[in-house]
């Protein structure tokens, strides 16, 4: 399953997301969800404990001026990569 985090981690239910995400899943941070990719953030610490792969949309990072502040544990992806993730996962959950 592809889990897309669209909202700021301060307004998201990360605990439930982590309970639902498995090793074969991917988590994509986009829109204000990219704040969870900030190096040293509490949200990143929570997400890093999950077995799912963690991705962040590059365009949303650039739009918020956060490109140089994300953790190296989060893999950046462009829109083509976003489409590839949606093709890989027919089921999606938006957070």
PDB file of N, CA and C in Angstrom:
ATOM      1  N   UNK A   1       0.845  -1.175   0.000  1.00  0.00           N
ATOM      2  CA  UNK A   1       0.000   0.000   0.000  1.00  0.00           C
ATOM      3  C   UNK A   1       0.894   1.243   0.000  1.00  0.00           C
ATOM      4  N   UNK A   2       0.432   2.270  -0.667  1.00  0.00           N
ATOM      5  CA  UNK A   2       1.101   3.564  -0.653  1.00  0.00           C
ATOM      6  C   UNK A   2       0.372   4.464   0.344  1.00  0.00           C
ATOM      7  N   UNK A   3       1.112   4.935   1.326  1.00  0.00           N
ATOM      8  CA  UNK A   3       0.575   5.866   2.319  1.00  0.00           C
ATOM      9  C   UNK A   3       1.092   7.254   1.945  1.00  0.00           C
ATOM     10  N   UNK A   4       0.193   8.196   1.713  1.00  0.00           N
ATOM     11  CA  UNK A   4       0.597   9.563   1.381  1.00  0.00           C
ATOM     12  C   UNK A   4       0.254  10.477   2.546  1.00  0.00           C
ATOM     13  N   UNK A   5       1.270  11.131   3.074  1.00  0.00           N
ATOM     14  CA  UNK A   5       1.083  12.068   4.177  1.00  0.00           C
ATOM     15  C   UNK A   5       1.055  13.470   3.587  1.00  0.00           C
ATOM     16  N   UNK A   6      -0.121  14.086   3.587  1.00  0.00           N
ATOM     17  CA  UNK A   6      -0.322  15.393   2.966  1.00  0.00           C
ATOM     18  C   UNK A   6      -0.287  16.554   3.951  1.00  0.00           C
ATOM     19  N   UNK A   7      -0.543  16.259   5.200  1.00  0.00           N
ATOM     20  CA  UNK A   7      -0.690  17.314   6.210  1.00  0.00           C
ATOM     21  C   UNK A   7       0.536  17.381   7.108  1.00  0.00           C
ATOM     22  N   UNK A   8       0.709  18.501   7.749  1.00  0.00           N
ATOM     23  CA  UNK A   8       1.794  18.662   8.700  1.00  0.00           C
ATOM     24  C   UNK A   8       1.736  17.530   9.723  1.00  0.00           C
ATOM     25  N   UNK A   9       2.886  17.021  10.136  1.00  0.00           N
ATOM     26  CA  UNK A   9       2.885  15.959  11.142  1.00  0.00           C
ATOM     27  C   UNK A   9       2.203  16.384  12.439  1.00  0.00           C
ATOM     28  N   UNK A  10       2.175  17.675  12.717  1.00  0.00           N
ATOM     29  CA  UNK A  10       1.506  18.171  13.925  1.00  0.00           C
ATOM     30  C   UNK A  10       0.003  17.928  13.879  1.00  0.00           C
ATOM     31  N   UNK A  11      -0.556  17.761  12.688  1.00  0.00           N
ATOM     32  CA  UNK A  11      -1.992  17.565  12.520  1.00  0.00           C
ATOM     33  C   UNK A  11      -2.317  16.192  11.934  1.00  0.00           C
ATOM     34  N   UNK A  12      -1.376  15.247  12.039  1.00  0.00           N
ATOM     35  CA  UNK A  12      -1.558  13.919  11.455  1.00  0.00           C
ATOM     36  C   UNK A  12      -1.503  12.849  12.536  1.00  0.00           C
ATOM     37  N   UNK A  13      -2.131  11.744  12.258  1.00  0.00           N
ATOM     38  CA  UNK A  13      -2.138  10.611  13.176  1.00  0.00           C
ATOM     39  C   UNK A  13      -1.012   9.653  12.791  1.00  0.00           C
ATOM     40  N   UNK A  14       0.216  10.032  13.111  1.00  0.00           N
ATOM     41  CA  UNK A  14       1.375   9.234  12.736  1.00  0.00           C
ATOM     42  C   UNK A  14       1.372   7.871  13.424  1.00  0.00           C
ATOM     43  N   UNK A  15       0.857   7.815  14.636  1.00  0.00           N
ATOM     44  CA  UNK A  15       0.833   6.541  15.359  1.00  0.00           C
ATOM     45  C   UNK A  15       0.016   5.495  14.607  1.00  0.00           C
ATOM     46  N   UNK A  16      -1.145   5.881  14.105  1.00  0.00           N
ATOM     47  CA  UNK A  16      -1.984   4.948  13.354  1.00  0.00           C
ATOM     48  C   UNK A  16      -1.341   4.603  12.011  1.00  0.00           C
ATOM     49  N   UNK A  17      -0.759   5.587  11.350  1.00  0.00           N
ATOM     50  CA  UNK A  17      -0.053   5.330  10.100  1.00  0.00           C
ATOM     51  C   UNK A  17       1.027   4.270  10.325  1.00  0.00           C
ATOM     52  N   UNK A  18       1.799   4.414  11.391  1.00  0.00           N
ATOM     53  CA  UNK A  18       2.873   3.468  11.677  1.00  0.00           C
ATOM     54  C   UNK A  18       2.338   2.075  11.998  1.00  0.00           C
ATOM     55  N   UNK A  19       1.186   1.996  12.625  1.00  0.00           N
ATOM     56  CA  UNK A  19       0.577   0.695  12.908  1.00  0.00           C
ATOM     57  C   UNK A  19       0.125   0.001  11.627  1.00  0.00           C
ATOM     58  N   UNK A  20      -0.296   0.776  10.647  1.00  0.00           N
ATOM     59  CA  UNK A  20      -0.838   0.208   9.411  1.00  0.00           C
ATOM     60  C   UNK A  20       0.222  -0.076   8.342  1.00  0.00           C
ATOM     61  N   UNK A  21       1.330   0.649   8.369  1.00  0.00           N
ATOM     62  CA  UNK A  21       2.352   0.510   7.323  1.00  0.00           C
ATOM     63  C   UNK A  21       3.221  -0.719   7.592  1.00  0.00           C
ATOM     64  N   UNK A  22       3.403  -1.510   6.536  1.00  0.00           N
ATOM     65  CA  UNK A  22       4.220  -2.715   6.638  1.00  0.00           C
ATOM     66  C   UNK A  22       5.481  -2.633   5.801  1.00  0.00           C
ATOM     67  N   UNK A  23       6.253  -3.698   5.829  1.00  0.00           N
ATOM     68  CA  UNK A  23       7.545  -3.735   5.136  1.00  0.00           C
ATOM     69  C   UNK A  23       7.408  -3.604   3.621  1.00  0.00           C
ATOM     70  N   UNK A  24       6.289  -4.040   3.060  1.00  0.00           N
ATOM     71  CA  UNK A  24       6.092  -3.947   1.607  1.00  0.00           C
ATOM     72  C   UNK A  24       5.458  -2.630   1.182  1.00  0.00           C
ATOM     73  N   UNK A  25       5.215  -1.750   2.121  1.00  0.00           N
ATOM     74  CA  UNK A  25       4.546  -0.484   1.844  1.00  0.00           C
ATOM     75  C   UNK A  25       5.559   0.629   1.599  1.00  0.00           C
ATOM     76  N   UNK A  26       5.054   1.724   1.051  1.00  0.00           N
ATOM     77  CA  UNK A  26       5.836   2.945   0.862  1.00  0.00           C
ATOM     78  C   UNK A  26       5.066   4.091   1.494  1.00  0.00           C
ATOM     79  N   UNK A  27       5.804   5.031   2.075  1.00  0.00           N
ATOM     80  CA  UNK A  27       5.216   6.251   2.634  1.00  0.00           C
ATOM     81  C   UNK A  27       5.777   7.418   1.835  1.00  0.00           C
ATOM     82  N   UNK A  28       4.882   8.211   1.256  1.00  0.00           N
ATOM     83  CA  UNK A  28       5.289   9.377   0.470  1.00  0.00           C
ATOM     84  C   UNK A  28       4.843  10.639   1.189  1.00  0.00           C
ATOM     85  N   UNK A  29       5.806  11.507   1.478  1.00  0.00           N
ATOM     86  CA  UNK A  29       5.534  12.787   2.116  1.00  0.00           C
ATOM     87  C   UNK A  29       5.380  13.840   1.031  1.00  0.00           C
ATOM     88  N   UNK A  30       4.235  14.528   1.030  1.00  0.00           N
ATOM     89  CA  UNK A  30       4.026  15.592   0.061  1.00  0.00           C
ATOM     90  C   UNK A  30       3.204  16.707   0.667  1.00  0.00           C
ATOM     91  N   UNK A  31       3.095  17.799  -0.044  1.00  0.00           N
ATOM     92  CA  UNK A  31       2.479  19.025   0.455  1.00  0.00           C
ATOM     93  C   UNK A  31       3.092  19.352   1.816  1.00  0.00           C
ATOM     94  N   UNK A  32       2.297  19.653   2.848  1.00  0.00           N
ATOM     95  CA  UNK A  32       2.870  19.987   4.159  1.00  0.00           C
ATOM     96  C   UNK A  32       3.419  18.770   4.891  1.00  0.00           C
ATOM     97  N   UNK A  33       3.161  17.588   4.379  1.00  0.00           N
ATOM     98  CA  UNK A  33       3.724  16.369   4.963  1.00  0.00           C
ATOM     99  C   UNK A  33       5.237  16.305   4.848  1.00  0.00           C
ATOM    100  N   UNK A  34       5.823  17.109   3.935  1.00  0.00           N
ATOM    101  CA  UNK A  34       7.281  17.112   3.781  1.00  0.00           C
ATOM    102  C   UNK A  34       7.982  17.587   5.047  1.00  0.00           C
ATOM    103  N   UNK A  35       7.261  18.257   5.927  1.00  0.00           N
ATOM    104  CA  UNK A  35       7.857  18.701   7.192  1.00  0.00           C
ATOM    105  C   UNK A  35       8.328  17.521   8.026  1.00  0.00           C
ATOM    106  N   UNK A  36       7.737  16.352   7.813  1.00  0.00           N
ATOM    107  CA  UNK A  36       8.145  15.148   8.539  1.00  0.00           C
ATOM    108  C   UNK A  36       9.516  14.651   8.090  1.00  0.00           C
ATOM    109  N   UNK A  37      10.045  15.168   7.001  1.00  0.00           N
ATOM    110  CA  UNK A  37      11.355  14.744   6.495  1.00  0.00           C
ATOM    111  C   UNK A  37      12.499  15.584   7.052  1.00  0.00           C
ATOM    112  N   UNK A  38      12.193  16.593   7.845  1.00  0.00           N
ATOM    113  CA  UNK A  38      13.236  17.466   8.371  1.00  0.00           C
ATOM    114  C   UNK A  38      14.172  16.700   9.303  1.00  0.00           C
ATOM    115  N   UNK A  39      15.450  16.828   9.055  1.00  0.00           N
ATOM    116  CA  UNK A  39      16.452  16.141   9.868  1.00  0.00           C
ATOM    117  C   UNK A  39      16.285  16.528  11.339  1.00  0.00           C
ATOM    118  N   UNK A  40      16.278  15.524  12.207  1.00  0.00           N
ATOM    119  CA  UNK A  40      16.176  15.760  13.643  1.00  0.00           C
ATOM    120  C   UNK A  40      14.775  15.975  14.173  1.00  0.00           C
ATOM    121  N   UNK A  41      13.773  15.963  13.304  1.00  0.00           N
ATOM    122  CA  UNK A  41      12.400  16.217  13.777  1.00  0.00           C
ATOM    123  C   UNK A  41      11.826  15.002  14.498  1.00  0.00           C
ATOM    124  N   UNK A  42      10.902  15.253  15.388  1.00  0.00           N
ATOM    125  CA  UNK A  42      10.236  14.179  16.127  1.00  0.00           C
ATOM    126  C   UNK A  42       9.474  13.265  15.163  1.00  0.00           C
ATOM    127  N   UNK A  43       8.822  13.855  14.177  1.00  0.00           N
ATOM    128  CA  UNK A  43       8.057  13.074  13.203  1.00  0.00           C
ATOM    129  C   UNK A  43       8.980  12.123  12.442  1.00  0.00           C
ATOM    130  N   UNK A  44      10.156  12.594  12.062  1.00  0.00           N
ATOM    131  CA  UNK A  44      11.096  11.741  11.343  1.00  0.00           C
ATOM    132  C   UNK A  44      11.567  10.597  12.231  1.00  0.00           C
ATOM    133  N   UNK A  45      11.796  10.874  13.492  1.00  0.00           N
ATOM    134  CA  UNK A  45      12.187   9.814  14.421  1.00  0.00           C
ATOM    135  C   UNK A  45      11.120   8.732  14.481  1.00  0.00           C
ATOM    136  N   UNK A  46       9.860   9.145  14.521  1.00  0.00           N
ATOM    137  CA  UNK A  46       8.762   8.188  14.545  1.00  0.00           C
ATOM    138  C   UNK A  46       8.717   7.378  13.249  1.00  0.00           C
ATOM    139  N   UNK A  47       8.789   8.055  12.121  1.00  0.00           N
ATOM    140  CA  UNK A  47       8.685   7.390  10.825  1.00  0.00           C
ATOM    141  C   UNK A  47       9.888   6.499  10.534  1.00  0.00           C
ATOM    142  N   UNK A  48      11.038   6.841  11.057  1.00  0.00           N
ATOM    143  CA  UNK A  48      12.242   6.057  10.807  1.00  0.00           C
ATOM    144  C   UNK A  48      12.167   4.670  11.436  1.00  0.00           C
ATOM    145  N   UNK A  49      11.326   4.507  12.435  1.00  0.00           N
ATOM    146  CA  UNK A  49      11.160   3.207  13.073  1.00  0.00           C
ATOM    147  C   UNK A  49      10.263   2.263  12.297  1.00  0.00           C
ATOM    148  N   UNK A  50       9.696   2.736  11.216  1.00  0.00           N
ATOM    149  CA  UNK A  50       8.767   1.946  10.401  1.00  0.00           C
ATOM    150  C   UNK A  50       9.543   1.164   9.340  1.00  0.00           C
ATOM    151  N   UNK A  51       9.039  -0.027   9.018  1.00  0.00           N
ATOM    152  CA  UNK A  51       9.693  -0.872   8.010  1.00  0.00           C
ATOM    153  C   UNK A  51       9.420  -0.400   6.581  1.00  0.00           C
ATOM    154  N   UNK A  52       8.417   0.438   6.379  1.00  0.00           N
ATOM    155  CA  UNK A  52       8.076   0.930   5.043  1.00  0.00           C
ATOM    156  C   UNK A  52       9.149   1.895   4.532  1.00  0.00           C
ATOM    157  N   UNK A  53       9.320   1.938   3.222  1.00  0.00           N
ATOM    158  CA  UNK A  53      10.254   2.891   2.605  1.00  0.00           C
ATOM    159  C   UNK A  53       9.676   4.297   2.699  1.00  0.00           C
ATOM    160  N   UNK A  54      10.531   5.262   2.952  1.00  0.00           N
ATOM    161  CA  UNK A  54      10.112   6.651   3.157  1.00  0.00           C
ATOM    162  C   UNK A  54      10.608   7.518   2.008  1.00  0.00           C
ATOM    163  N   UNK A  55       9.664   8.210   1.343  1.00  0.00           N
ATOM    164  CA  UNK A  55       9.934   9.056   0.181  1.00  0.00           C
ATOM    165  C   UNK A  55       9.429  10.464   0.453  1.00  0.00           C
ATOM    166  N   UNK A  56       9.985  11.443  -0.240  1.00  0.00           N
ATOM    167  CA  UNK A  56       9.516  12.825  -0.141  1.00  0.00           C
ATOM    168  C   UNK A  56       9.503  13.436  -1.543  1.00  0.00           C
ATOM    169  N   UNK A  57       8.453  14.175  -1.855  1.00  0.00           N
ATOM    170  CA  UNK A  57       8.310  14.789  -3.173  1.00  0.00           C
ATOM    171  C   UNK A  57       9.205  16.031  -3.274  1.00  0.00           C
ATOM    172  N   UNK A  58      10.167  15.978  -4.192  1.00  0.00           N
ATOM    173  CA  UNK A  58      11.155  17.056  -4.352  1.00  0.00           C
ATOM    174  C   UNK A  58      10.514  18.409  -4.618  1.00  0.00           C
ATOM    175  N   UNK A  59       9.489  18.439  -5.457  1.00  0.00           N
ATOM    176  CA  UNK A  59       8.863  19.706  -5.823  1.00  0.00           C
ATOM    177  C   UNK A  59       8.264  20.413  -4.607  1.00  0.00           C
ATOM    178  N   UNK A  60       7.683  19.633  -3.693  1.00  0.00           N
ATOM    179  CA  UNK A  60       7.107  20.245  -2.491  1.00  0.00           C
ATOM    180  C   UNK A  60       8.190  20.715  -1.529  1.00  0.00           C
ATOM    181  N   UNK A  61       9.317  20.020  -1.503  1.00  0.00           N
ATOM    182  CA  UNK A  61      10.459  20.494  -0.707  1.00  0.00           C
ATOM    183  C   UNK A  61      10.954  21.836  -1.226  1.00  0.00           C
ATOM    184  N   UNK A  62      11.136  21.914  -2.552  1.00  0.00           N
ATOM    185  CA  UNK A  62      11.615  23.167  -3.153  1.00  0.00           C
ATOM    186  C   UNK A  62      10.632  24.304  -2.928  1.00  0.00           C
ATOM    187  N   UNK A  63       9.350  24.018  -3.051  1.00  0.00           N
ATOM    188  CA  UNK A  63       8.331  25.058  -2.875  1.00  0.00           C
ATOM    189  C   UNK A  63       8.354  25.644  -1.465  1.00  0.00           C
ATOM    190  N   UNK A  64       8.805  24.854  -0.497  1.00  0.00           N
ATOM    191  CA  UNK A  64       8.848  25.305   0.889  1.00  0.00           C
ATOM    192  C   UNK A  64      10.251  25.707   1.332  1.00  0.00           C
ATOM    193  N   UNK A  65      11.217  25.634   0.416  1.00  0.00           N
ATOM    194  CA  UNK A  65      12.592  26.025   0.734  1.00  0.00           C
ATOM    195  C   UNK A  65      13.278  25.091   1.714  1.00  0.00           C
ATOM    196  N   UNK A  66      12.930  23.805   1.684  1.00  0.00           N
ATOM    197  CA  UNK A  66      13.445  22.849   2.659  1.00  0.00           C
ATOM    198  C   UNK A  66      14.435  21.841   2.088  1.00  0.00           C
ATOM    199  N   UNK A  67      14.839  22.000   0.853  1.00  0.00           N
ATOM    200  CA  UNK A  67      15.653  20.988   0.180  1.00  0.00           C
ATOM    201  C   UNK A  67      16.902  20.608   0.968  1.00  0.00           C
ATOM    202  N   UNK A  68      17.621  21.543   1.497  1.00  0.00           N
ATOM    203  CA  UNK A  68      18.861  21.254   2.212  1.00  0.00           C
ATOM    204  C   UNK A  68      18.680  20.823   3.646  1.00  0.00           C
ATOM    205  N   UNK A  69      17.444  20.726   4.103  1.00  0.00           N
ATOM    206  CA  UNK A  69      17.198  20.438   5.514  1.00  0.00           C
ATOM    207  C   UNK A  69      16.619  19.053   5.779  1.00  0.00           C
ATOM    208  N   UNK A  70      16.469  18.242   4.732  1.00  0.00           N
ATOM    209  CA  UNK A  70      15.862  16.930   4.950  1.00  0.00           C
ATOM    210  C   UNK A  70      16.912  15.891   5.328  1.00  0.00           C
ATOM    211  N   UNK A  71      16.455  14.861   5.984  1.00  0.00           N
ATOM    212  CA  UNK A  71      17.317  13.766   6.406  1.00  0.00           C
ATOM    213  C   UNK A  71      17.750  12.929   5.207  1.00  0.00           C
ATOM    214  N   UNK A  72      18.922  12.343   5.315  1.00  0.00           N
ATOM    215  CA  UNK A  72      19.398  11.445   4.270  1.00  0.00           C
ATOM    216  C   UNK A  72      18.678  10.097   4.325  1.00  0.00           C
ATOM    217  N   UNK A  73      17.886   9.863   5.365  1.00  0.00           N
ATOM    218  CA  UNK A  73      17.107   8.624   5.485  1.00  0.00           C
ATOM    219  C   UNK A  73      15.844   8.655   4.633  1.00  0.00           C
ATOM    220  N   UNK A  74      15.523   9.811   4.088  1.00  0.00           N
ATOM    221  CA  UNK A  74      14.331   9.977   3.264  1.00  0.00           C
ATOM    222  C   UNK A  74      14.779  10.127   1.818  1.00  0.00           C
ATOM    223  N   UNK A  75      14.187   9.328   0.933  1.00  0.00           N
ATOM    224  CA  UNK A  75      14.580   9.364  -0.475  1.00  0.00           C
ATOM    225  C   UNK A  75      13.720  10.366  -1.248  1.00  0.00           C
ATOM    226  N   UNK A  76      14.350  11.330  -1.897  1.00  0.00           N
ATOM    227  CA  UNK A  76      13.576  12.273  -2.716  1.00  0.00           C
ATOM    228  C   UNK A  76      13.074  11.597  -3.995  1.00  0.00           C
ATOM    229  N   UNK A  77      11.919  12.044  -4.452  1.00  0.00           N
ATOM    230  CA  UNK A  77      11.314  11.503  -5.664  1.00  0.00           C
ATOM    231  C   UNK A  77      10.665  12.659  -6.421  1.00  0.00           C
ATOM    232  N   UNK A  78      10.713  12.598  -7.761  1.00  0.00           N
ATOM    233  CA  UNK A  78      10.048  13.606  -8.582  1.00  0.00           C
ATOM    234  C   UNK A  78       8.652  13.094  -8.955  1.00  0.00           C
ATOM    235  N   UNK A  79       7.949  13.831  -9.817  1.00  0.00           N
ATOM    236  CA  UNK A  79       6.595  13.417 -10.182  1.00  0.00           C
ATOM    237  C   UNK A  79       6.571  12.081 -10.925  1.00  0.00           C
ATOM    238  N   UNK A  80       7.613  11.799 -11.704  1.00  0.00           N
ATOM    239  CA  UNK A  80       7.686  10.511 -12.386  1.00  0.00           C
ATOM    240  C   UNK A  80       7.796   9.380 -11.367  1.00  0.00           C
ATOM    241  N   UNK A  81       8.580   9.591 -10.333  1.00  0.00           N
ATOM    242  CA  UNK A  81       8.696   8.607  -9.265  1.00  0.00           C
ATOM    243  C   UNK A  81       7.405   8.459  -8.485  1.00  0.00           C
ATOM    244  N   UNK A  82       6.692   9.556  -8.299  1.00  0.00           N
ATOM    245  CA  UNK A  82       5.393   9.537  -7.631  1.00  0.00           C
ATOM    246  C   UNK A  82       4.429   8.650  -8.426  1.00  0.00           C
ATOM    247  N   UNK A  83       4.412   8.825  -9.733  1.00  0.00           N
ATOM    248  CA  UNK A  83       3.550   8.005 -10.591  1.00  0.00           C
ATOM    249  C   UNK A  83       3.960   6.534 -10.488  1.00  0.00           C
ATOM    250  N   UNK A  84       5.259   6.266 -10.471  1.00  0.00           N
ATOM    251  CA  UNK A  84       5.739   4.886 -10.345  1.00  0.00           C
ATOM    252  C   UNK A  84       5.273   4.258  -9.032  1.00  0.00           C
ATOM    253  N   UNK A  85       5.274   5.029  -7.962  1.00  0.00           N
ATOM    254  CA  UNK A  85       4.780   4.515  -6.678  1.00  0.00           C
ATOM    255  C   UNK A  85       3.283   4.215  -6.732  1.00  0.00           C
ATOM    256  N   UNK A  86       2.522   5.058  -7.412  1.00  0.00           N
ATOM    257  CA  UNK A  86       1.076   4.810  -7.511  1.00  0.00           C
ATOM    258  C   UNK A  86       0.779   3.597  -8.386  1.00  0.00           C
ATOM    259  N   UNK A  87       1.601   3.352  -9.402  1.00  0.00           N
ATOM    260  CA  UNK A  87       1.438   2.172 -10.234  1.00  0.00           C
ATOM    261  C   UNK A  87       1.792   0.917  -9.432  1.00  0.00           C
ATOM    262  N   UNK A  88       2.839   1.014  -8.640  1.00  0.00           N
ATOM    263  CA  UNK A  88       3.289  -0.118  -7.816  1.00  0.00           C
ATOM    264  C   UNK A  88       2.233  -0.521  -6.788  1.00  0.00           C
ATOM    265  N   UNK A  89       1.507   0.474  -6.253  1.00  0.00           N
ATOM    266  CA  UNK A  89       0.544   0.231  -5.189  1.00  0.00           C
ATOM    267  C   UNK A  89      -0.874   0.622  -5.633  1.00  0.00           C
ATOM    268  N   UNK A  90      -1.670  -0.339  -6.086  1.00  0.00           N
ATOM    269  CA  UNK A  90      -3.049  -0.018  -6.478  1.00  0.00           C
ATOM    270  C   UNK A  90      -3.887   0.520  -5.306  1.00  0.00           C
ATOM    271  N   UNK A  91      -3.534   0.097  -4.083  1.00  0.00           N
ATOM    272  CA  UNK A  91      -4.250   0.596  -2.909  1.00  0.00           C
ATOM    273  C   UNK A  91      -3.436   1.724  -2.273  1.00  0.00           C
ATOM    274  N   UNK A  92      -4.155   2.793  -1.891  1.00  0.00           N
ATOM    275  CA  UNK A  92      -3.510   3.936  -1.279  1.00  0.00           C
ATOM    276  C   UNK A  92      -4.321   4.426  -0.098  1.00  0.00           C
ATOM    277  N   UNK A  93      -3.596   4.987   0.872  1.00  0.00           N
ATOM    278  CA  UNK A  93      -4.234   5.574   2.045  1.00  0.00           C
ATOM    279  C   UNK A  93      -3.658   6.980   2.199  1.00  0.00           C
ATOM    280  N   UNK A  94      -4.536   7.964   2.321  1.00  0.00           N
ATOM    281  CA  UNK A  94      -4.115   9.344   2.480  1.00  0.00           C
ATOM    282  C   UNK A  94      -4.248   9.745   3.940  1.00  0.00           C
ATOM    283  N   UNK A  95      -3.216  10.384   4.429  1.00  0.00           N
ATOM    284  CA  UNK A  95      -3.189  10.821   5.836  1.00  0.00           C
ATOM    285  C   UNK A  95      -3.139  12.318   5.906  1.00  0.00           C
TER     286      UNK A  95
END
